[in-house]
Amino acid sequence: MRASCAPYSRVRKLLTSVSAAALLAAQMGSASAHTVSIGYAFAGPGSVNIWYGSYHADATYTEADLLLRSNNGFYSIVPFTMIMSTKPTGLVDGVTNFYSNSAGTALVGTPQIVSSTDGSGGSYNPATRTILNWQGVTFNNLRPGVYTFTYNPLSMPTVEWHPINEIIRTNTFTLTAQDVLGIDSFASYATNTNQRAVARARYVDRRGRLQPAPLQHRGAAAGADGEFLQPVVRRSARSGLARGVPAERCLPLDHDGSARRRHARRRLRCVA
């Protein structure tokens, strides 16, 4: 009696089914890796590092490029050049580092459960996953302004660096004059008590406008004659003079703290 081929046929179909299921599972597992964090970190005067994070362990290479533009006219597109497997210095959740909310409509400071919106199958649950790799790029010699950066993925990105959604691609930061100059205070340039007080104060410029101290020590910030301008003080209601300080303290000061007497040509007024 000839043996039936039916059992072999069933086994072959079963193996085929199992292989297909395993392949599908592998593909789904691979597709679940995505870029899910976006951040920036100041890297010195006029320099900024921009980072994107993926929760896939295989994201150990850089991919695609980044667009940075500003309201001051700056515009540049550069490829990613840095890769890190530990959270880069300066990335602080909710301050300089962000994630997509669950709805995919806004950036938030705390990781949330989020799924891909483009059908690629990606999903991120911060309870079971963590960011494992970051790719970044550095921009130098930036001027003060408001900057917007946007991740430009490949037309067919790898799953490791595939953006989880559109909101995770773009963010904005502001560079002030202090960020560009790298100076928080001019007190360290002062040589006496009066100048140290001046360096911490606010000033009235030559046009009578109130200005913060870091922009008014012209010797350090603008490379002029190095004079310190005197802080704004309040006038006495009766005499009109600055209360508690000599009238000469409303004049420009030399580095040694002495008032310049040539104020007829260039007077710095006190304000109430």
C-alpha atoms as a PDB file:
ATOM      1  CA  MET A   1       0.000   0.000   0.000  1.00  0.00           C
ATOM      2  CA  ARG A   2       1.357   3.407  -1.012  1.00  0.00           C
ATOM      3  CA  ALA A   3       1.809   5.922   1.777  1.00  0.00           C
ATOM      4  CA  SER A   4      -0.319   9.031   1.578  1.00  0.00           C
ATOM      5  CA  CYS A   5       1.383  12.389   0.856  1.00  0.00           C
ATOM      6  CA  ALA A   6      -1.238  14.318   2.807  1.00  0.00           C
ATOM      7  CA  PRO A   7       0.739  14.485   6.082  1.00  0.00           C
ATOM      8  CA  TYR A   8       3.805  15.851   4.290  1.00  0.00           C
ATOM      9  CA  SER A   9       1.686  18.400   2.496  1.00  0.00           C
ATOM     10  CA  ARG A  10       0.183  19.572   5.789  1.00  0.00           C
ATOM     11  CA  VAL A  11       3.637  19.813   7.379  1.00  0.00           C
ATOM     12  CA  ARG A  12       4.962  21.809   4.449  1.00  0.00           C
ATOM     13  CA  LYS A  13       2.039  24.234   4.628  1.00  0.00           C
ATOM     14  CA  LEU A  14       2.488  24.570   8.375  1.00  0.00           C
ATOM     15  CA  LEU A  15       6.215  25.349   8.001  1.00  0.00           C
ATOM     16  CA  THR A  16       5.434  27.874   5.283  1.00  0.00           C
ATOM     17  CA  SER A  17       2.834  29.528   7.514  1.00  0.00           C
ATOM     18  CA  VAL A  18       5.227  29.637  10.480  1.00  0.00           C
ATOM     19  CA  SER A  19       8.013  31.121   8.325  1.00  0.00           C
ATOM     20  CA  ALA A  20       5.698  33.807   6.987  1.00  0.00           C
ATOM     21  CA  ALA A  21       4.516  34.667  10.479  1.00  0.00           C
ATOM     22  CA  ALA A  22       8.087  34.869  11.752  1.00  0.00           C
ATOM     23  CA  LEU A  23       9.082  37.123   8.870  1.00  0.00           C
ATOM     24  CA  LEU A  24       6.087  39.403   9.488  1.00  0.00           C
ATOM     25  CA  ALA A  25       6.885  39.575  13.189  1.00  0.00           C
ATOM     26  CA  ALA A  26      10.488  40.454  12.443  1.00  0.00           C
ATOM     27  CA  GLN A  27       9.393  43.179  10.066  1.00  0.00           C
ATOM     28  CA  MET A  28       6.929  44.593  12.565  1.00  0.00           C
ATOM     29  CA  GLY A  29       9.547  44.526  15.292  1.00  0.00           C
ATOM     30  CA  SER A  30      11.995  46.348  13.068  1.00  0.00           C
ATOM     31  CA  ALA A  31       9.430  48.916  12.001  1.00  0.00           C
ATOM     32  CA  SER A  32       8.683  49.830  15.592  1.00  0.00           C
ATOM     33  CA  ALA A  33      11.950  51.775  15.880  1.00  0.00           C
ATOM     34  CA  HIS A  34      11.653  55.508  15.235  1.00  0.00           C
ATOM     35  CA  THR A  35      13.031  58.956  16.003  1.00  0.00           C
ATOM     36  CA  VAL A  36      11.008  60.117  18.994  1.00  0.00           C
ATOM     37  CA  SER A  37      12.918  62.958  20.679  1.00  0.00           C
ATOM     38  CA  ILE A  38      14.118  66.367  19.511  1.00  0.00           C
ATOM     39  CA  GLY A  39      16.466  68.711  21.348  1.00  0.00           C
ATOM     40  CA  TYR A  40      19.167  71.352  21.245  1.00  0.00           C
ATOM     41  CA  ALA A  41      22.041  72.359  23.514  1.00  0.00           C
ATOM     42  CA  PHE A  42      24.177  75.496  23.587  1.00  0.00           C
ATOM     43  CA  ALA A  43      27.791  74.594  22.845  1.00  0.00           C
ATOM     44  CA  GLY A  44      29.571  77.872  23.552  1.00  0.00           C
ATOM     45  CA  PRO A  45      29.255  81.447  22.300  1.00  0.00           C
ATOM     46  CA  GLY A  46      27.222  81.415  19.096  1.00  0.00           C
ATOM     47  CA  SER A  47      27.240  77.596  18.853  1.00  0.00           C
ATOM     48  CA  VAL A  48      24.368  75.120  19.154  1.00  0.00           C
ATOM     49  CA  ASN A  49      24.175  71.311  18.958  1.00  0.00           C
ATOM     50  CA  ILE A  50      20.915  69.868  17.645  1.00  0.00           C
ATOM     51  CA  TRP A  51      19.962  66.284  18.502  1.00  0.00           C
ATOM     52  CA  TYR A  52      17.358  63.689  17.510  1.00  0.00           C
ATOM     53  CA  GLY A  53      16.906  60.498  19.539  1.00  0.00           C
ATOM     54  CA  SER A  54      15.889  56.985  18.495  1.00  0.00           C
ATOM     55  CA  TYR A  55      14.967  54.084  20.778  1.00  0.00           C
ATOM     56  CA  HIS A  56      16.505  51.476  18.480  1.00  0.00           C
ATOM     57  CA  ALA A  57      19.785  49.883  19.554  1.00  0.00           C
ATOM     58  CA  ASP A  58      20.901  49.580  15.911  1.00  0.00           C
ATOM     59  CA  ALA A  59      20.716  53.343  15.285  1.00  0.00           C
ATOM     60  CA  THR A  60      24.495  53.654  15.510  1.00  0.00           C
ATOM     61  CA  TYR A  61      24.949  55.651  12.300  1.00  0.00           C
ATOM     62  CA  THR A  62      23.935  59.109  11.083  1.00  0.00           C
ATOM     63  CA  GLU A  63      21.316  59.574   8.410  1.00  0.00           C
ATOM     64  CA  ALA A  64      19.794  62.434   6.383  1.00  0.00           C
ATOM     65  CA  ASP A  65      20.253  66.135   7.116  1.00  0.00           C
ATOM     66  CA  LEU A  66      18.952  69.147   9.005  1.00  0.00           C
ATOM     67  CA  LEU A  67      17.647  72.549   7.945  1.00  0.00           C
ATOM     68  CA  LEU A  68      18.349  75.533  10.210  1.00  0.00           C
ATOM     69  CA  ARG A  69      16.945  78.969   9.430  1.00  0.00           C
ATOM     70  CA  SER A  70      16.425  82.209  11.336  1.00  0.00           C
ATOM     71  CA  ASN A  71      14.567  85.497  11.199  1.00  0.00           C
ATOM     72  CA  ASN A  72      17.999  87.156  10.896  1.00  0.00           C
ATOM     73  CA  GLY A  73      18.455  85.694   7.412  1.00  0.00           C
ATOM     74  CA  PHE A  74      20.452  82.593   8.333  1.00  0.00           C
ATOM     75  CA  TYR A  75      19.684  79.505   6.210  1.00  0.00           C
ATOM     76  CA  SER A  76      21.668  76.273   6.071  1.00  0.00           C
ATOM     77  CA  ILE A  77      21.141  72.568   5.333  1.00  0.00           C
ATOM     78  CA  VAL A  78      23.820  70.198   6.631  1.00  0.00           C
ATOM     79  CA  PRO A  79      24.077  66.412   7.131  1.00  0.00           C
ATOM     80  CA  PHE A  80      24.199  64.904  10.596  1.00  0.00           C
ATOM     81  CA  THR A  81      27.766  64.309  11.748  1.00  0.00           C
ATOM     82  CA  MET A  82      27.572  63.161  15.389  1.00  0.00           C
ATOM     83  CA  ILE A  83      26.317  59.961  16.998  1.00  0.00           C
ATOM     84  CA  MET A  84      25.979  59.276  20.739  1.00  0.00           C
ATOM     85  CA  SER A  85      24.762  56.328  22.775  1.00  0.00           C
ATOM     86  CA  THR A  86      24.393  58.384  25.978  1.00  0.00           C
ATOM     87  CA  LYS A  87      22.138  61.402  26.406  1.00  0.00           C
ATOM     88  CA  PRO A  88      24.101  64.434  25.143  1.00  0.00           C
ATOM     89  CA  THR A  89      25.115  67.141  27.582  1.00  0.00           C
ATOM     90  CA  GLY A  90      22.661  70.017  27.686  1.00  0.00           C
ATOM     91  CA  LEU A  91      19.529  68.058  26.809  1.00  0.00           C
ATOM     92  CA  VAL A  92      17.072  68.743  29.628  1.00  0.00           C
ATOM     93  CA  ASP A  93      13.562  67.344  29.244  1.00  0.00           C
ATOM     94  CA  GLY A  94      11.009  70.117  29.043  1.00  0.00           C
ATOM     95  CA  VAL A  95      13.698  72.796  28.678  1.00  0.00           C
ATOM     96  CA  THR A  96      15.860  71.889  25.690  1.00  0.00           C
ATOM     97  CA  ASN A  97      14.619  68.368  24.898  1.00  0.00           C
ATOM     98  CA  PHE A  98      11.111  67.337  23.872  1.00  0.00           C
ATOM     99  CA  TYR A  99       8.850  64.496  22.761  1.00  0.00           C
ATOM    100  CA  SER A 100       5.599  64.188  20.829  1.00  0.00           C
ATOM    101  CA  ASN A 101       2.366  64.059  22.764  1.00  0.00           C
ATOM    102  CA  SER A 102       0.104  61.062  22.234  1.00  0.00           C
ATOM    103  CA  ALA A 103      -2.046  62.930  19.734  1.00  0.00           C
ATOM    104  CA  GLY A 104       0.959  63.913  17.646  1.00  0.00           C
ATOM    105  CA  THR A 105      -0.069  67.576  17.771  1.00  0.00           C
ATOM    106  CA  ALA A 106       2.486  69.196  20.094  1.00  0.00           C
ATOM    107  CA  LEU A 107       5.890  68.799  21.704  1.00  0.00           C
ATOM    108  CA  VAL A 108       5.951  68.014  25.414  1.00  0.00           C
ATOM    109  CA  GLY A 109       8.647  67.732  28.050  1.00  0.00           C
ATOM    110  CA  THR A 110       7.668  64.283  29.334  1.00  0.00           C
ATOM    111  CA  PRO A 111       7.643  61.168  27.102  1.00  0.00           C
ATOM    112  CA  GLN A 112       4.170  59.909  26.214  1.00  0.00           C
ATOM    113  CA  ILE A 113       2.804  56.851  24.437  1.00  0.00           C
ATOM    114  CA  VAL A 114       2.754  57.678  20.748  1.00  0.00           C
ATOM    115  CA  SER A 115       2.208  55.717  17.537  1.00  0.00           C
ATOM    116  CA  SER A 116       3.339  56.497  14.010  1.00  0.00           C
ATOM    117  CA  THR A 117       0.866  58.448  11.928  1.00  0.00           C
ATOM    118  CA  ASP A 118       2.168  57.452   8.491  1.00  0.00           C
ATOM    119  CA  GLY A 119       1.382  53.741   8.553  1.00  0.00           C
ATOM    120  CA  SER A 120       4.966  52.625   9.165  1.00  0.00           C
ATOM    121  CA  GLY A 121       3.948  50.736  12.290  1.00  0.00           C
ATOM    122  CA  GLY A 122       6.128  52.565  14.803  1.00  0.00           C
ATOM    123  CA  SER A 123       5.064  52.953  18.427  1.00  0.00           C
ATOM    124  CA  TYR A 124       6.752  54.270  21.554  1.00  0.00           C
ATOM    125  CA  ASN A 125       5.814  53.503  25.136  1.00  0.00           C
ATOM    126  CA  PRO A 126       8.177  55.171  27.644  1.00  0.00           C
ATOM    127  CA  ALA A 127       7.258  52.537  30.222  1.00  0.00           C
ATOM    128  CA  THR A 128       8.896  49.812  28.144  1.00  0.00           C
ATOM    129  CA  ARG A 129      11.337  51.688  25.897  1.00  0.00           C
ATOM    130  CA  THR A 130      14.031  54.319  26.300  1.00  0.00           C
ATOM    131  CA  ILE A 131      16.095  56.497  23.960  1.00  0.00           C
ATOM    132  CA  LEU A 132      19.265  54.580  23.070  1.00  0.00           C
ATOM    133  CA  ASN A 133      20.974  56.655  20.381  1.00  0.00           C
ATOM    134  CA  TRP A 134      21.136  60.290  19.297  1.00  0.00           C
ATOM    135  CA  GLN A 135      22.333  61.793  16.030  1.00  0.00           C
ATOM    136  CA  GLY A 136      23.333  65.438  15.963  1.00  0.00           C
ATOM    137  CA  VAL A 137      24.937  68.356  14.178  1.00  0.00           C
ATOM    138  CA  THR A 138      26.739  71.519  15.329  1.00  0.00           C
ATOM    139  CA  PHE A 139      26.199  75.064  14.052  1.00  0.00           C
ATOM    140  CA  ASN A 140      28.792  77.751  14.829  1.00  0.00           C
ATOM    141  CA  ASN A 141      29.143  81.527  14.479  1.00  0.00           C
ATOM    142  CA  LEU A 142      25.420  82.144  14.873  1.00  0.00           C
ATOM    143  CA  ARG A 143      24.052  85.642  15.418  1.00  0.00           C
ATOM    144  CA  PRO A 144      21.222  86.662  17.780  1.00  0.00           C
ATOM    145  CA  GLY A 145      17.827  85.624  16.468  1.00  0.00           C
ATOM    146  CA  VAL A 146      15.001  83.097  16.531  1.00  0.00           C
ATOM    147  CA  TYR A 147      16.042  79.808  14.913  1.00  0.00           C
ATOM    148  CA  THR A 148      13.844  76.993  13.573  1.00  0.00           C
ATOM    149  CA  PHE A 149      15.376  73.591  12.836  1.00  0.00           C
ATOM    150  CA  THR A 150      13.751  70.815  10.828  1.00  0.00           C
ATOM    151  CA  TYR A 151      14.839  67.220  10.333  1.00  0.00           C
ATOM    152  CA  ASN A 152      14.834  66.198   6.653  1.00  0.00           C
ATOM    153  CA  PRO A 153      14.579  62.388   6.547  1.00  0.00           C
ATOM    154  CA  LEU A 154      15.498  60.379   3.478  1.00  0.00           C
ATOM    155  CA  SER A 155      12.771  59.694   0.933  1.00  0.00           C
ATOM    156  CA  MET A 156      12.898  56.122   2.197  1.00  0.00           C
ATOM    157  CA  PRO A 157      14.337  56.434   5.713  1.00  0.00           C
ATOM    158  CA  THR A 158      15.544  53.485   7.695  1.00  0.00           C
ATOM    159  CA  VAL A 159      13.260  52.481  10.518  1.00  0.00           C
ATOM    160  CA  GLU A 160      15.945  53.486  13.022  1.00  0.00           C
ATOM    161  CA  TRP A 161      15.697  57.184  12.065  1.00  0.00           C
ATOM    162  CA  HIS A 162      12.165  57.296  10.688  1.00  0.00           C
ATOM    163  CA  PRO A 163      10.335  60.217  12.422  1.00  0.00           C
ATOM    164  CA  ILE A 164       7.497  58.915  14.571  1.00  0.00           C
ATOM    165  CA  ASN A 165       5.339  61.779  13.217  1.00  0.00           C
ATOM    166  CA  GLU A 166       5.600  65.273  11.739  1.00  0.00           C
ATOM    167  CA  ILE A 167       5.582  67.157  15.057  1.00  0.00           C
ATOM    168  CA  ILE A 168       8.870  65.542  16.124  1.00  0.00           C
ATOM    169  CA  ARG A 169      10.733  66.982  13.142  1.00  0.00           C
ATOM    170  CA  THR A 170      10.708  70.709  13.995  1.00  0.00           C
ATOM    171  CA  ASN A 171      11.473  72.939  16.968  1.00  0.00           C
ATOM    172  CA  THR A 172      12.575  76.522  17.697  1.00  0.00           C
ATOM    173  CA  PHE A 173      15.085  78.227  19.977  1.00  0.00           C
ATOM    174  CA  THR A 174      16.248  81.816  20.547  1.00  0.00           C
ATOM    175  CA  LEU A 175      19.812  83.078  20.723  1.00  0.00           C
ATOM    176  CA  THR A 176      20.278  86.319  22.647  1.00  0.00           C
ATOM    177  CA  ALA A 177      23.260  88.650  22.522  1.00  0.00           C
ATOM    178  CA  GLN A 178      24.463  87.082  25.782  1.00  0.00           C
ATOM    179  CA  ASP A 179      24.318  83.611  24.202  1.00  0.00           C
ATOM    180  CA  VAL A 180      26.350  84.813  21.252  1.00  0.00           C
ATOM    181  CA  LEU A 181      28.872  86.831  23.276  1.00  0.00           C
ATOM    182  CA  GLY A 182      29.143  84.184  25.972  1.00  0.00           C
ATOM    183  CA  ILE A 183      28.964  86.840  28.708  1.00  0.00           C
ATOM    184  CA  ASP A 184      26.365  86.825  31.484  1.00  0.00           C
ATOM    185  CA  SER A 185      27.666  89.848  33.397  1.00  0.00           C
ATOM    186  CA  PHE A 186      30.341  92.478  33.092  1.00  0.00           C
ATOM    187  CA  ALA A 187      31.080  92.549  36.825  1.00  0.00           C
ATOM    188  CA  SER A 188      34.294  90.620  36.251  1.00  0.00           C
ATOM    189  CA  TYR A 189      35.653  93.539  34.219  1.00  0.00           C
ATOM    190  CA  ALA A 190      35.157  96.054  37.020  1.00  0.00           C
ATOM    191  CA  THR A 191      38.174  97.327  38.978  1.00  0.00           C
ATOM    192  CA  ASN A 192      36.467  99.079  41.918  1.00  0.00           C
ATOM    193  CA  THR A 193      33.223  99.034  43.929  1.00  0.00           C
ATOM    194  CA  ASN A 194      31.535 101.680  41.822  1.00  0.00           C
ATOM    195  CA  GLN A 195      32.283  99.898  38.567  1.00  0.00           C
ATOM    196  CA  ARG A 196      31.100  96.570  39.969  1.00  0.00           C
ATOM    197  CA  ALA A 197      27.779  98.216  40.827  1.00  0.00           C
ATOM    198  CA  VAL A 198      27.639  99.675  37.339  1.00  0.00           C
ATOM    199  CA  ALA A 199      28.315  96.314  35.723  1.00  0.00           C
ATOM    200  CA  ARG A 200      25.350  94.737  37.504  1.00  0.00           C
ATOM    201  CA  ALA A 201      22.925  97.567  36.788  1.00  0.00           C
ATOM    202  CA  ARG A 202      20.859  98.794  33.896  1.00  0.00           C
ATOM    203  CA  TYR A 203      21.617 101.924  31.899  1.00  0.00           C
ATOM    204  CA  VAL A 204      20.179 104.720  29.868  1.00  0.00           C
ATOM    205  CA  ASP A 205      21.958 104.906  26.533  1.00  0.00           C
ATOM    206  CA  ARG A 206      22.779 108.085  24.653  1.00  0.00           C
ATOM    207  CA  ARG A 207      19.315 108.191  23.154  1.00  0.00           C
ATOM    208  CA  GLY A 208      17.682 107.916  26.554  1.00  0.00           C
ATOM    209  CA  ARG A 209      16.661 104.281  26.185  1.00  0.00           C
ATOM    210  CA  LEU A 210      16.856 101.809  29.068  1.00  0.00           C
ATOM    211  CA  GLN A 211      19.278  98.972  28.265  1.00  0.00           C
ATOM    212  CA  PRO A 212      20.539  95.831  30.081  1.00  0.00           C
ATOM    213  CA  ALA A 213      24.098  95.909  31.359  1.00  0.00           C
ATOM    214  CA  PRO A 214      25.661  93.264  29.052  1.00  0.00           C
ATOM    215  CA  LEU A 215      25.099  95.416  25.978  1.00  0.00           C
ATOM    216  CA  GLN A 216      26.357  98.638  27.531  1.00  0.00           C
ATOM    217  CA  HIS A 217      29.944  97.941  28.479  1.00  0.00           C
ATOM    218  CA  ARG A 218      31.114  99.084  25.096  1.00  0.00           C
ATOM    219  CA  GLY A 219      34.747  98.115  25.649  1.00  0.00           C
ATOM    220  CA  ALA A 220      33.885  94.399  25.842  1.00  0.00           C
ATOM    221  CA  ALA A 221      30.742  94.159  23.739  1.00  0.00           C
ATOM    222  CA  ALA A 222      31.351  96.650  20.968  1.00  0.00           C
ATOM    223  CA  GLY A 223      35.087  97.349  21.098  1.00  0.00           C
ATOM    224  CA  ALA A 224      34.815 101.104  21.695  1.00  0.00           C
ATOM    225  CA  ASP A 225      36.657 103.216  24.272  1.00  0.00           C
ATOM    226  CA  GLY A 226      36.029 100.911  27.220  1.00  0.00           C
ATOM    227  CA  GLU A 227      33.928 103.301  29.317  1.00  0.00           C
ATOM    228  CA  PHE A 228      31.407 102.048  31.851  1.00  0.00           C
ATOM    229  CA  LEU A 229      28.048 103.809  31.797  1.00  0.00           C
ATOM    230  CA  GLN A 230      26.473 104.653  35.134  1.00  0.00           C
ATOM    231  CA  PRO A 231      23.369 102.809  36.364  1.00  0.00           C
ATOM    232  CA  VAL A 232      19.918 104.336  36.287  1.00  0.00           C
ATOM    233  CA  VAL A 233      19.146 106.064  39.590  1.00  0.00           C
ATOM    234  CA  ARG A 234      16.032 107.766  40.926  1.00  0.00           C
ATOM    235  CA  ARG A 235      15.807 111.569  41.292  1.00  0.00           C
ATOM    236  CA  SER A 236      14.730 113.270  44.475  1.00  0.00           C
ATOM    237  CA  ALA A 237      11.266 114.764  44.182  1.00  0.00           C
ATOM    238  CA  ARG A 238      12.459 118.048  45.805  1.00  0.00           C
ATOM    239  CA  SER A 239      15.867 118.678  44.330  1.00  0.00           C
ATOM    240  CA  GLY A 240      15.703 116.751  41.080  1.00  0.00           C
ATOM    241  CA  LEU A 241      19.120 115.264  41.895  1.00  0.00           C
ATOM    242  CA  ALA A 242      19.839 111.587  42.153  1.00  0.00           C
ATOM    243  CA  ARG A 243      18.911 110.571  45.702  1.00  0.00           C
ATOM    244  CA  GLY A 244      21.809 109.271  47.767  1.00  0.00           C
ATOM    245  CA  VAL A 245      24.476 109.583  45.045  1.00  0.00           C
ATOM    246  CA  PRO A 246      26.515 112.532  43.725  1.00  0.00           C
ATOM    247  CA  ALA A 247      25.257 114.162  40.544  1.00  0.00           C
ATOM    248  CA  GLU A 248      28.533 113.195  38.842  1.00  0.00           C
ATOM    249  CA  ARG A 249      27.568 109.507  39.076  1.00  0.00           C
ATOM    250  CA  CYS A 250      25.119 110.145  36.259  1.00  0.00           C
ATOM    251  CA  LEU A 251      28.093 110.867  33.987  1.00  0.00           C
ATOM    252  CA  PRO A 252      30.196 108.359  32.047  1.00  0.00           C
ATOM    253  CA  LEU A 253      33.004 106.869  34.127  1.00  0.00           C
ATOM    254  CA  ASP A 254      36.598 106.113  33.267  1.00  0.00           C
ATOM    255  CA  HIS A 255      38.060 102.719  34.185  1.00  0.00           C
ATOM    256  CA  ASP A 256      39.475 104.199  37.413  1.00  0.00           C
ATOM    257  CA  GLY A 257      36.003 105.287  38.517  1.00  0.00           C
ATOM    258  CA  SER A 258      36.495 109.047  38.040  1.00  0.00           C
ATOM    259  CA  ALA A 259      33.740 110.977  36.341  1.00  0.00           C
ATOM    260  CA  ARG A 260      34.438 112.583  33.032  1.00  0.00           C
ATOM    261  CA  ARG A 261      33.941 116.315  33.252  1.00  0.00           C
ATOM    262  CA  ARG A 262      33.496 116.772  29.552  1.00  0.00           C
ATOM    263  CA  HIS A 263      29.767 116.214  29.961  1.00  0.00           C
ATOM    264  CA  ALA A 264      28.664 119.342  28.196  1.00  0.00           C
ATOM    265  CA  ARG A 265      29.335 117.571  24.920  1.00  0.00           C
ATOM    266  CA  ARG A 266      28.088 114.147  26.000  1.00  0.00           C
ATOM    267  CA  ARG A 267      25.718 114.024  28.962  1.00  0.00           C
ATOM    268  CA  LEU A 268      24.140 110.887  30.406  1.00  0.00           C
ATOM    269  CA  ARG A 269      20.884 111.818  32.139  1.00  0.00           C
ATOM    270  CA  CYS A 270      19.388 110.273  35.270  1.00  0.00           C
ATOM    271  CA  VAL A 271      15.770 109.133  35.180  1.00  0.00           C
ATOM    272  CA  ALA A 272      13.054 108.969  37.783  1.00  0.00           C
END
